[in-house]
Every structure is written in structure tokens, then in C-alpha cells.
């Protein structure tokens, strides 16, 4: 019940963002598990603008992107299923790109002891979201950011 009280205490714009995050995270979680990465990416790319906005990236825009990422992370912790960094990054990337923000999704890897680990994160304006973060700098990004499927050439 305290989740609902916290939700109702949010500003109306953040309540809308929290609801959008819950829907997009749920769809992404289901899409990745039922369609796989490439097919889900292709499907959501159809719902993104072909090119992000040409608005100059300001500090206030970066602050709004960080706030959006924090709301999305908060929502992800409260969903009835456990999402991972790929689910959350892809959902955030989708939400930012729909707003014409030139966000990039990155996937990187590292070898920790005998294990290979992977991590996904989103960058906007050259900054990792929601903030500089403590996890992603420990991962070597693959050669280039993930692009919307329609814009990719092979």
C-alpha cells in the first residue's frame, strides 16, 4: 500500500512518467523474452522517430533525462517481475528516443575471474543515465552503440 501512497505524492508529470515506465518496462520485458533482442529492437524502432531532435543538448535537458532514468529505475524495482539492465536500458532508450532525445544504448562486457559478464546502459549528451554511475565504467563497450533497427545497414 505504501507504493500507492508514494505514487500519489508524485507530481502529476512524474506520475505519468511512472505509468509510462511501468508499461514500457513490462512490454520490453515480455518482448525480449518472447521475440528476442533483434526482433524486439526492430519492432520498437518502428515507434521511434527516424532521427532524434536536432535541439542542442543542454544541462537542463540532461537533468530531465536523468530524472526520467531515476523514475524508470524506481518503477523497475517495484514491478512484480525482476528486470535486468538490458530490459531497463532498452525501455529507457525507447522512451528517450520517442521524445526525440539523441540517446544511445550501449552494451559492454568484462571478464571477472573466470566469468564473462555483460551490461547495458544508456547515454545521452555524453553522460551515462541516470548519472555517471558506478557500474558501466567497469565494462568495455562493444564497438558502437545500438542503433534503431531501421537505421542500421549491414
Protein backbone atom coordinates (compact mmCIF):
# COMPACT_ATOMS: atom_id res chain seq x y z
CA UNK A 1 0.00 0.00 0.00
CA UNK A 2 2.91 2.41 0.63
CA UNK A 3 3.84 2.16 -3.07
CA UNK A 4 0.47 3.70 -3.95
CA UNK A 5 0.88 6.46 -1.36
CA UNK A 6 4.32 7.28 -2.76
CA UNK A 7 2.87 7.23 -6.28
CA UNK A 8 0.07 9.62 -5.32
CA UNK A 9 2.57 12.02 -3.71
CA UNK A 10 4.42 12.40 -7.02
CA UNK A 11 3.87 15.46 -9.17
CA UNK A 12 1.33 14.73 -11.93
CA UNK A 13 4.02 14.77 -14.67
CA UNK A 14 6.11 12.24 -12.72
CA UNK A 15 3.03 10.09 -12.14
CA UNK A 16 2.52 9.94 -15.90
CA UNK A 17 6.18 9.09 -16.40
CA UNK A 18 5.97 6.35 -13.76
CA UNK A 19 2.95 4.82 -15.51
CA UNK A 20 4.66 5.06 -18.90
CA UNK A 21 7.78 3.44 -17.40
CA UNK A 22 5.73 0.57 -15.98
CA UNK A 23 4.08 -0.08 -19.34
CA UNK A 24 7.27 0.24 -21.40
CA UNK A 25 9.29 -1.90 -18.97
CA UNK A 26 6.61 -4.59 -18.98
CA UNK A 27 6.35 -4.58 -22.78
CA UNK A 28 10.14 -4.68 -23.11
CA UNK A 29 10.48 -7.48 -20.58
CA UNK A 30 7.86 -9.53 -22.47
CA UNK A 31 9.18 -8.54 -25.91
CA UNK A 32 12.77 -9.52 -25.19
CA UNK A 33 11.73 -12.87 -23.77
CA UNK A 34 9.23 -13.75 -26.49
CA UNK A 35 10.80 -12.18 -29.61
CA UNK A 36 14.48 -11.88 -28.72
CA UNK A 37 16.70 -8.81 -28.89
CA UNK A 38 16.83 -8.16 -32.66
CA UNK A 39 13.13 -8.66 -33.37
CA UNK A 40 12.07 -6.59 -30.34
CA UNK A 41 14.54 -3.85 -31.31
CA UNK A 42 13.15 -3.81 -34.85
CA UNK A 43 9.58 -3.57 -33.55
CA UNK A 44 10.22 -0.69 -31.15
CA UNK A 45 12.37 1.11 -33.72
CA UNK A 46 9.21 1.49 -35.81
CA UNK A 47 7.76 3.50 -32.92
CA UNK A 48 10.76 5.86 -32.70
CA UNK A 49 11.36 8.98 -34.74
CA UNK A 50 13.70 8.22 -37.64
CA UNK A 51 16.13 10.86 -36.41
CA UNK A 52 16.31 12.33 -32.94
CA UNK A 53 15.68 16.01 -32.44
CA UNK A 54 18.28 18.50 -33.51
CA UNK A 55 17.87 20.51 -30.31
CA UNK A 56 21.19 21.34 -28.71
CA UNK A 57 21.77 19.20 -25.66
CA UNK A 58 21.75 21.46 -22.60
CA UNK A 59 22.39 20.82 -18.93
CA UNK A 60 18.66 21.19 -18.22
CA UNK A 61 17.86 18.56 -20.86
CA UNK A 62 20.43 16.23 -19.29
CA UNK A 63 18.82 16.83 -15.89
CA UNK A 64 15.41 15.88 -17.35
CA UNK A 65 16.91 12.71 -18.88
CA UNK A 66 18.49 11.80 -15.54
CA UNK A 67 15.18 12.37 -13.73
CA UNK A 68 13.43 10.16 -16.27
CA UNK A 69 16.02 7.43 -15.74
CA UNK A 70 15.66 7.64 -11.94
CA UNK A 71 11.87 7.31 -12.18
CA UNK A 72 12.25 4.34 -14.51
CA UNK A 73 14.70 2.64 -12.13
CA UNK A 74 12.38 3.24 -9.20
CA UNK A 75 9.47 1.73 -11.11
CA UNK A 76 11.61 -1.25 -12.19
CA UNK A 77 12.34 -2.10 -8.54
CA UNK A 78 8.62 -2.22 -7.77
CA UNK A 79 7.34 -4.34 -10.65
CA UNK A 80 6.11 -7.89 -9.94
CA UNK A 81 8.91 -9.32 -12.12
CA UNK A 82 12.65 -8.76 -11.98
CA UNK A 83 14.02 -6.78 -14.89
CA UNK A 84 17.68 -6.63 -15.78
CA UNK A 85 19.94 -3.90 -17.17
CA UNK A 86 19.05 -4.81 -20.76
CA UNK A 87 15.31 -4.51 -20.09
CA UNK A 88 15.77 -1.21 -18.30
CA UNK A 89 18.22 0.25 -20.81
CA UNK A 90 16.14 -0.70 -23.81
CA UNK A 91 12.99 0.74 -22.20
CA UNK A 92 14.74 3.99 -21.26
CA UNK A 93 16.32 4.25 -24.72
CA UNK A 94 12.87 3.79 -26.29
CA UNK A 95 11.26 6.43 -24.04
CA UNK A 96 14.04 8.98 -24.66
CA UNK A 97 14.12 8.42 -28.42
CA UNK A 98 10.32 8.81 -28.58
CA UNK A 99 10.93 12.26 -27.10
CA UNK A 100 13.48 12.91 -29.85
CA UNK A 101 16.44 12.80 -27.46
CA UNK A 102 19.61 11.58 -29.17
CA UNK A 103 20.10 8.76 -26.67
CA UNK A 104 22.39 5.81 -27.35
CA UNK A 105 22.16 2.35 -25.88
CA UNK A 106 25.45 0.61 -25.17
CA UNK A 107 26.27 -2.98 -24.35
CA UNK A 108 29.63 -3.90 -22.93
CA UNK A 109 31.42 -6.81 -21.38
CA UNK A 110 34.12 -7.71 -18.91
CA UNK A 111 35.81 -10.78 -17.63
CA UNK A 112 35.53 -11.13 -13.88
CA UNK A 113 37.56 -14.07 -12.55
CA UNK A 114 36.54 -16.93 -14.85
CA UNK A 115 33.17 -15.42 -15.80
CA UNK A 116 32.20 -13.20 -18.72
CA UNK A 117 29.69 -10.53 -17.67
CA UNK A 118 27.70 -8.16 -19.84
CA UNK A 119 25.99 -4.88 -19.02
CA UNK A 120 23.70 -2.48 -20.90
CA UNK A 121 23.33 1.25 -20.30
CA UNK A 122 22.03 4.41 -21.97
CA UNK A 123 23.95 7.58 -22.69
CA UNK A 124 22.55 10.99 -23.57
CA UNK A 125 24.62 14.09 -24.07
CA UNK A 126 27.75 12.04 -23.44
CA UNK A 127 26.63 11.04 -19.93
CA UNK A 128 25.50 7.67 -18.68
CA UNK A 129 22.00 7.70 -17.24
CA UNK A 130 20.75 8.16 -14.62
CA UNK A 131 24.13 9.56 -13.59
CA UNK A 132 27.82 8.89 -14.07
CA UNK A 133 27.18 5.53 -12.45
CA UNK A 134 29.47 3.12 -10.75
CA UNK A 135 28.85 0.01 -12.83
CA UNK A 136 29.18 0.77 -16.53
CA UNK A 137 32.77 2.21 -16.47
CA UNK A 138 33.96 -1.26 -15.48
CA UNK A 139 32.61 -2.70 -18.74
CA UNK A 140 34.33 -2.29 -22.10
CA UNK A 141 31.66 -1.17 -24.58
CA UNK A 142 31.31 -3.15 -27.76
CA UNK A 143 32.49 -1.28 -30.86
CA UNK A 144 29.47 1.03 -31.31
CA UNK A 145 26.16 1.97 -29.69
CA UNK A 146 22.95 0.15 -30.57
CA UNK A 147 21.08 1.98 -33.32
CA UNK A 148 17.38 1.83 -34.14
CA UNK A 149 16.90 -1.21 -36.38
CA UNK A 150 15.63 0.79 -39.36
CA UNK A 151 18.75 2.96 -39.39
CA UNK A 152 21.17 0.04 -39.38
CA UNK A 153 22.94 -1.02 -42.53
CA UNK A 154 24.63 -4.36 -42.96
